[in-house]
Amino acid sequence: MVNKGLEVMEAKWLFDVDLERIEVV
């Protein structure tokens, strides 16, 4: 599930959102 962790960080930059607004399901 490291891949999903990398995707969380990528999403933060791609979509300019705070980490608190990224949820993994």
PDB file of all heavy atoms in Angstrom:
ATOM      1  N   MET A   1       0.810  -1.218   0.000  1.00  0.00           N
ATOM      2  CA  MET A   1       0.000   0.000   0.000  1.00  0.00           C
ATOM      3  C   MET A   1       0.843   1.268   0.000  1.00  0.00           C
ATOM      4  O   MET A   1       0.335   2.371   0.192  1.00  0.00           O
ATOM      5  CB  MET A   1      -1.039   0.017   1.127  1.00  0.00           C
ATOM      6  CG  MET A   1      -2.154  -1.003   0.908  1.00  0.00           C
ATOM      7  SD  MET A   1      -3.650  -0.699   1.845  1.00  0.00           S
ATOM      8  CE  MET A   1      -4.357   0.702   0.933  1.00  0.00           C
ATOM      9  N   VAL A   2       2.149   1.124  -0.202  1.00  0.00           N
ATOM     10  CA  VAL A   2       3.002   2.292  -0.399  1.00  0.00           C
ATOM     11  C   VAL A   2       2.569   3.044  -1.658  1.00  0.00           C
ATOM     12  O   VAL A   2       2.622   4.277  -1.716  1.00  0.00           O
ATOM     13  CB  VAL A   2       4.489   1.879  -0.489  1.00  0.00           C
ATOM     14  CG1 VAL A   2       5.347   2.996  -1.074  1.00  0.00           C
ATOM     15  CG2 VAL A   2       5.010   1.502   0.896  1.00  0.00           C
ATOM     16  N   ASN A   3       2.144   2.297  -2.663  1.00  0.00           N
ATOM     17  CA  ASN A   3       1.677   2.933  -3.895  1.00  0.00           C
ATOM     18  C   ASN A   3       0.570   3.941  -3.611  1.00  0.00           C
ATOM     19  O   ASN A   3       0.554   5.034  -4.184  1.00  0.00           O
ATOM     20  CB  ASN A   3       1.181   1.861  -4.866  1.00  0.00           C
ATOM     21  CG  ASN A   3       0.896   2.423  -6.246  1.00  0.00           C
ATOM     22  OD1 ASN A   3       1.729   3.115  -6.807  1.00  0.00           O
ATOM     23  ND2 ASN A   3      -0.279   2.136  -6.777  1.00  0.00           N
ATOM     24  N   LYS A   4      -0.333   3.585  -2.716  1.00  0.00           N
ATOM     25  CA  LYS A   4      -1.411   4.506  -2.393  1.00  0.00           C
ATOM     26  C   LYS A   4      -0.877   5.715  -1.630  1.00  0.00           C
ATOM     27  O   LYS A   4      -1.370   6.844  -1.801  1.00  0.00           O
ATOM     28  CB  LYS A   4      -2.481   3.793  -1.571  1.00  0.00           C
ATOM     29  CG  LYS A   4      -3.857   4.408  -1.645  1.00  0.00           C
ATOM     30  CD  LYS A   4      -4.363   4.579  -3.072  1.00  0.00           C
ATOM     31  CE  LYS A   4      -4.273   3.344  -3.938  1.00  0.00           C
ATOM     32  NZ  LYS A   4      -4.786   3.566  -5.303  1.00  0.00           N
ATOM     33  N   GLY A   5       0.145   5.486  -0.812  1.00  0.00           N
ATOM     34  CA  GLY A   5       0.778   6.605  -0.116  1.00  0.00           C
ATOM     35  C   GLY A   5       1.424   7.580  -1.078  1.00  0.00           C
ATOM     36  O   GLY A   5       1.313   8.805  -0.918  1.00  0.00           O
ATOM     37  N   LEU A   6       2.091   7.046  -2.107  1.00  0.00           N
ATOM     38  CA  LEU A   6       2.684   7.900  -3.133  1.00  0.00           C
ATOM     39  C   LEU A   6       1.599   8.672  -3.882  1.00  0.00           C
ATOM     40  O   LEU A   6       1.771   9.845  -4.211  1.00  0.00           O
ATOM     41  CB  LEU A   6       3.500   7.053  -4.109  1.00  0.00           C
ATOM     42  CG  LEU A   6       4.752   6.363  -3.541  1.00  0.00           C
ATOM     43  CD1 LEU A   6       5.320   5.379  -4.557  1.00  0.00           C
ATOM     44  CD2 LEU A   6       5.808   7.377  -3.135  1.00  0.00           C
ATOM     45  N   GLU A   7       0.468   8.016  -4.113  1.00  0.00           N
ATOM     46  CA  GLU A   7      -0.632   8.672  -4.825  1.00  0.00           C
ATOM     47  C   GLU A   7      -1.253   9.788  -3.992  1.00  0.00           C
ATOM     48  O   GLU A   7      -1.707  10.798  -4.547  1.00  0.00           O
ATOM     49  CB  GLU A   7      -1.690   7.640  -5.207  1.00  0.00           C
ATOM     50  CG  GLU A   7      -1.236   6.718  -6.333  1.00  0.00           C
ATOM     51  CD  GLU A   7      -2.248   5.622  -6.633  1.00  0.00           C
ATOM     52  OE1 GLU A   7      -3.343   5.633  -6.039  1.00  0.00           O
ATOM     53  OE2 GLU A   7      -1.927   4.753  -7.473  1.00  0.00           O
ATOM     54  N   VAL A   8      -1.293   9.611  -2.678  1.00  0.00           N
ATOM     55  CA  VAL A   8      -1.787  10.681  -1.802  1.00  0.00           C
ATOM     56  C   VAL A   8      -0.928  11.930  -1.971  1.00  0.00           C
ATOM     57  O   VAL A   8      -1.434  13.051  -2.142  1.00  0.00           O
ATOM     58  CB  VAL A   8      -1.778  10.222  -0.330  1.00  0.00           C
ATOM     59  CG1 VAL A   8      -1.968  11.411   0.620  1.00  0.00           C
ATOM     60  CG2 VAL A   8      -2.880   9.196  -0.080  1.00  0.00           C
ATOM     61  N   MET A   9       0.397  11.731  -1.937  1.00  0.00           N
ATOM     62  CA  MET A   9       1.309  12.871  -2.080  1.00  0.00           C
ATOM     63  C   MET A   9       1.211  13.496  -3.466  1.00  0.00           C
ATOM     64  O   MET A   9       1.271  14.718  -3.623  1.00  0.00           O
ATOM     65  CB  MET A   9       2.733  12.426  -1.776  1.00  0.00           C
ATOM     66  CG  MET A   9       2.969  12.120  -0.302  1.00  0.00           C
ATOM     67  SD  MET A   9       4.709  11.810   0.076  1.00  0.00           S
ATOM     68  CE  MET A   9       4.705  10.032   0.200  1.00  0.00           C
ATOM     69  N   GLU A  10       1.042  12.645  -4.476  1.00  0.00           N
ATOM     70  CA  GLU A  10       0.903  13.148  -5.839  1.00  0.00           C
ATOM     71  C   GLU A  10      -0.375  13.966  -5.987  1.00  0.00           C
ATOM     72  O   GLU A  10      -0.385  15.033  -6.614  1.00  0.00           O
ATOM     73  CB  GLU A  10       0.897  11.970  -6.821  1.00  0.00           C
ATOM     74  CG  GLU A  10       0.995  12.371  -8.269  1.00  0.00           C
ATOM     75  CD  GLU A  10       1.030  11.178  -9.207  1.00  0.00           C
ATOM     76  OE1 GLU A  10       0.913  10.033  -8.745  1.00  0.00           O
ATOM     77  OE2 GLU A  10       1.168  11.401 -10.426  1.00  0.00           O
ATOM     78  N   ALA A  11      -1.465  13.470  -5.403  1.00  0.00           N
ATOM     79  CA  ALA A  11      -2.749  14.175  -5.488  1.00  0.00           C
ATOM     80  C   ALA A  11      -2.671  15.553  -4.843  1.00  0.00           C
ATOM     81  O   ALA A  11      -3.278  16.516  -5.325  1.00  0.00           O
ATOM     82  CB  ALA A  11      -3.846  13.343  -4.829  1.00  0.00           C
ATOM     83  N   LYS A  12      -1.930  15.645  -3.749  1.00  0.00           N
ATOM     84  CA  LYS A  12      -1.770  16.927  -3.056  1.00  0.00           C
ATOM     85  C   LYS A  12      -1.251  18.005  -4.008  1.00  0.00           C
ATOM     86  O   LYS A  12      -1.749  19.134  -4.019  1.00  0.00           O
ATOM     87  CB  LYS A  12      -0.819  16.755  -1.875  1.00  0.00           C
ATOM     88  CG  LYS A  12      -0.427  18.040  -1.165  1.00  0.00           C
ATOM     89  CD  LYS A  12       0.591  17.751  -0.078  1.00  0.00           C
ATOM     90  CE  LYS A  12       0.983  19.025   0.661  1.00  0.00           C
ATOM     91  NZ  LYS A  12       1.702  19.990  -0.189  1.00  0.00           N
ATOM     92  N   TRP A  13      -0.259  17.639  -4.814  1.00  0.00           N
ATOM     93  CA  TRP A  13       0.341  18.618  -5.732  1.00  0.00           C
ATOM     94  C   TRP A  13      -0.479  18.789  -7.013  1.00  0.00           C
ATOM     95  O   TRP A  13      -0.659  19.921  -7.484  1.00  0.00           O
ATOM     96  CB  TRP A  13       1.769  18.186  -6.074  1.00  0.00           C
ATOM     97  CG  TRP A  13       2.686  18.276  -4.906  1.00  0.00           C
ATOM     98  CD1 TRP A  13       3.265  17.243  -4.216  1.00  0.00           C
ATOM     99  CD2 TRP A  13       3.119  19.479  -4.255  1.00  0.00           C
ATOM    100  NE1 TRP A  13       4.029  17.721  -3.185  1.00  0.00           N
ATOM    101  CE2 TRP A  13       3.956  19.091  -3.187  1.00  0.00           C
ATOM    102  CE3 TRP A  13       2.882  20.831  -4.475  1.00  0.00           C
ATOM    103  CZ2 TRP A  13       4.554  20.022  -2.347  1.00  0.00           C
ATOM    104  CZ3 TRP A  13       3.477  21.768  -3.635  1.00  0.00           C
ATOM    105  CH2 TRP A  13       4.305  21.350  -2.585  1.00  0.00           C
ATOM    106  N   LEU A  14      -0.963  17.700  -7.558  1.00  0.00           N
ATOM    107  CA  LEU A  14      -1.722  17.787  -8.810  1.00  0.00           C
ATOM    108  C   LEU A  14      -2.964  18.656  -8.676  1.00  0.00           C
ATOM    109  O   LEU A  14      -3.292  19.438  -9.573  1.00  0.00           O
ATOM    110  CB  LEU A  14      -2.141  16.383  -9.256  1.00  0.00           C
ATOM    111  CG  LEU A  14      -1.264  15.640 -10.251  1.00  0.00           C
ATOM    112  CD1 LEU A  14      -1.811  14.244 -10.473  1.00  0.00           C
ATOM    113  CD2 LEU A  14      -1.157  16.389 -11.582  1.00  0.00           C
ATOM    114  N   PHE A  15      -3.663  18.508  -7.549  1.00  0.00           N
ATOM    115  CA  PHE A  15      -4.964  19.155  -7.397  1.00  0.00           C
ATOM    116  C   PHE A  15      -4.970  20.263  -6.354  1.00  0.00           C
ATOM    117  O   PHE A  15      -6.023  20.820  -6.058  1.00  0.00           O
ATOM    118  CB  PHE A  15      -6.022  18.092  -7.069  1.00  0.00           C
ATOM    119  CG  PHE A  15      -6.038  16.974  -8.073  1.00  0.00           C
ATOM    120  CD1 PHE A  15      -5.650  15.692  -7.724  1.00  0.00           C
ATOM    121  CD2 PHE A  15      -6.385  17.213  -9.395  1.00  0.00           C
ATOM    122  CE1 PHE A  15      -5.638  14.658  -8.650  1.00  0.00           C
ATOM    123  CE2 PHE A  15      -6.367  16.196 -10.340  1.00  0.00           C
ATOM    124  CZ  PHE A  15      -5.996  14.915  -9.966  1.00  0.00           C
ATOM    125  N   ASP A  16      -3.777  20.556  -5.799  1.00  0.00           N
ATOM    126  CA  ASP A  16      -3.620  21.679  -4.865  1.00  0.00           C
ATOM    127  C   ASP A  16      -4.620  21.597  -3.707  1.00  0.00           C
ATOM    128  O   ASP A  16      -5.379  22.534  -3.440  1.00  0.00           O
ATOM    129  CB  ASP A  16      -3.770  22.999  -5.621  1.00  0.00           C
ATOM    130  CG  ASP A  16      -3.358  24.198  -4.780  1.00  0.00           C
ATOM    131  OD1 ASP A  16      -2.567  24.021  -3.841  1.00  0.00           O
ATOM    132  OD2 ASP A  16      -3.843  25.316  -5.061  1.00  0.00           O
ATOM    133  N   VAL A  17      -4.612  20.440  -3.029  1.00  0.00           N
ATOM    134  CA  VAL A  17      -5.503  20.245  -1.879  1.00  0.00           C
ATOM    135  C   VAL A  17      -4.675  19.897  -0.643  1.00  0.00           C
ATOM    136  O   VAL A  17      -3.594  19.313  -0.750  1.00  0.00           O
ATOM    137  CB  VAL A  17      -6.536  19.122  -2.128  1.00  0.00           C
ATOM    138  CG1 VAL A  17      -7.502  19.514  -3.219  1.00  0.00           C
ATOM    139  CG2 VAL A  17      -5.849  17.814  -2.474  1.00  0.00           C
ATOM    140  N   ASP A  18      -5.196  20.235   0.527  1.00  0.00           N
ATOM    141  CA  ASP A  18      -4.532  19.890   1.774  1.00  0.00           C
ATOM    142  C   ASP A  18      -4.632  18.386   2.022  1.00  0.00           C
ATOM    143  O   ASP A  18      -5.607  17.737   1.607  1.00  0.00           O
ATOM    144  CB  ASP A  18      -5.184  20.634   2.949  1.00  0.00           C
ATOM    145  CG  ASP A  18      -5.092  22.143   2.789  1.00  0.00           C
ATOM    146  OD1 ASP A  18      -4.114  22.609   2.178  1.00  0.00           O
ATOM    147  OD2 ASP A  18      -6.006  22.841   3.267  1.00  0.00           O
ATOM    148  N   LEU A  19      -3.645  17.850   2.736  1.00  0.00           N
ATOM    149  CA  LEU A  19      -3.664  16.422   3.064  1.00  0.00           C
ATOM    150  C   LEU A  19      -4.917  16.021   3.819  1.00  0.00           C
ATOM    151  O   LEU A  19      -5.429  14.910   3.657  1.00  0.00           O
ATOM    152  CB  LEU A  19      -2.436  16.062   3.916  1.00  0.00           C
ATOM    153  CG  LEU A  19      -1.109  15.891   3.194  1.00  0.00           C
ATOM    154  CD1 LEU A  19       0.002  15.703   4.202  1.00  0.00           C
ATOM    155  CD2 LEU A  19      -1.176  14.708   2.240  1.00  0.00           C
ATOM    156  N   GLU A  20      -5.404  16.929   4.663  1.00  0.00           N
ATOM    157  CA  GLU A  20      -6.587  16.636   5.478  1.00  0.00           C
ATOM    158  C   GLU A  20      -7.823  16.393   4.623  1.00  0.00           C
ATOM    159  O   GLU A  20      -8.820  15.830   5.091  1.00  0.00           O
ATOM    160  CB  GLU A  20      -6.857  17.786   6.458  1.00  0.00           C
ATOM    161  CG  GLU A  20      -5.823  17.947   7.554  1.00  0.00           C
ATOM    162  CD  GLU A  20      -4.481  18.486   7.056  1.00  0.00           C
ATOM    163  OE1 GLU A  20      -4.470  19.140   5.978  1.00  0.00           O
ATOM    164  OE2 GLU A  20      -3.463  18.253   7.721  1.00  0.00           O
ATOM    165  N   ARG A  21      -7.761  16.805   3.370  1.00  0.00           N
ATOM    166  CA  ARG A  21      -8.907  16.634   2.467  1.00  0.00           C
ATOM    167  C   ARG A  21      -8.694  15.502   1.468  1.00  0.00           C
ATOM    168  O   ARG A  21      -9.406  15.407   0.472  1.00  0.00           O
ATOM    169  CB  ARG A  21      -9.206  17.943   1.743  1.00  0.00           C
ATOM    170  CG  ARG A  21      -9.737  19.032   2.670  1.00  0.00           C
ATOM    171  CD  ARG A  21     -10.367  20.154   1.873  1.00  0.00           C
ATOM    172  NE  ARG A  21      -9.378  20.911   1.116  1.00  0.00           N
ATOM    173  CZ  ARG A  21      -9.633  21.590  -0.001  1.00  0.00           C
ATOM    174  NH1 ARG A  21     -10.856  21.589  -0.510  1.00  0.00           N
ATOM    175  NH2 ARG A  21      -8.694  22.263  -0.613  1.00  0.00           N
ATOM    176  N   ILE A  22      -7.731  14.628   1.753  1.00  0.00           N
ATOM    177  CA  ILE A  22      -7.510  13.444   0.921  1.00  0.00           C
ATOM    178  C   ILE A  22      -7.755  12.205   1.779  1.00  0.00           C
ATOM    179  O   ILE A  22      -7.120  12.015   2.804  1.00  0.00           O
ATOM    180  CB  ILE A  22      -6.073  13.398   0.354  1.00  0.00           C
ATOM    181  CG1 ILE A  22      -5.779  14.668  -0.458  1.00  0.00           C
ATOM    182  CG2 ILE A  22      -5.894  12.165  -0.523  1.00  0.00           C
ATOM    183  CD1 ILE A  22      -4.346  14.769  -0.936  1.00  0.00           C
ATOM    184  N   GLU A  23      -8.692  11.390   1.352  1.00  0.00           N
ATOM    185  CA  GLU A  23      -9.076  10.199   2.111  1.00  0.00           C
ATOM    186  C   GLU A  23      -8.903   8.956   1.235  1.00  0.00           C
ATOM    187  O   GLU A  23      -9.286   8.951   0.063  1.00  0.00           O
ATOM    188  CB  GLU A  23     -10.545  10.318   2.550  1.00  0.00           C
ATOM    189  CG  GLU A  23     -11.056   9.139   3.354  1.00  0.00           C
ATOM    190  CD  GLU A  23     -12.521   9.310   3.747  1.00  0.00           C
ATOM    191  OE1 GLU A  23     -12.980  10.476   3.876  1.00  0.00           O
ATOM    192  OE2 GLU A  23     -13.207   8.284   3.905  1.00  0.00           O
ATOM    193  N   VAL A  24      -8.299   7.918   1.797  1.00  0.00           N
ATOM    194  CA  VAL A  24      -8.125   6.657   1.075  1.00  0.00           C
ATOM    195  C   VAL A  24      -9.253   5.710   1.447  1.00  0.00           C
ATOM    196  O   VAL A  24      -9.558   5.507   2.626  1.00  0.00           O
ATOM    197  CB  VAL A  24      -6.755   6.014   1.398  1.00  0.00           C
ATOM    198  CG1 VAL A  24      -6.644   4.636   0.747  1.00  0.00           C
ATOM    199  CG2 VAL A  24      -5.621   6.921   0.924  1.00  0.00           C
ATOM    200  N   VAL A  25      -9.892   5.141   0.434  1.00  0.00           N
ATOM    201  CA  VAL A  25     -10.985   4.185   0.632  1.00  0.00           C
ATOM    202  C   VAL A  25     -10.644   2.898  -0.121  1.00  0.00           C
ATOM    203  O   VAL A  25     -10.328   2.932  -1.308  1.00  0.00           O
ATOM    204  CB  VAL A  25     -12.326   4.748   0.090  1.00  0.00           C
ATOM    205  CG1 VAL A  25     -13.448   3.734   0.302  1.00  0.00           C
ATOM    206  CG2 VAL A  25     -12.659   6.061   0.755  1.00  0.00           C
TER     207      VAL A  25
END
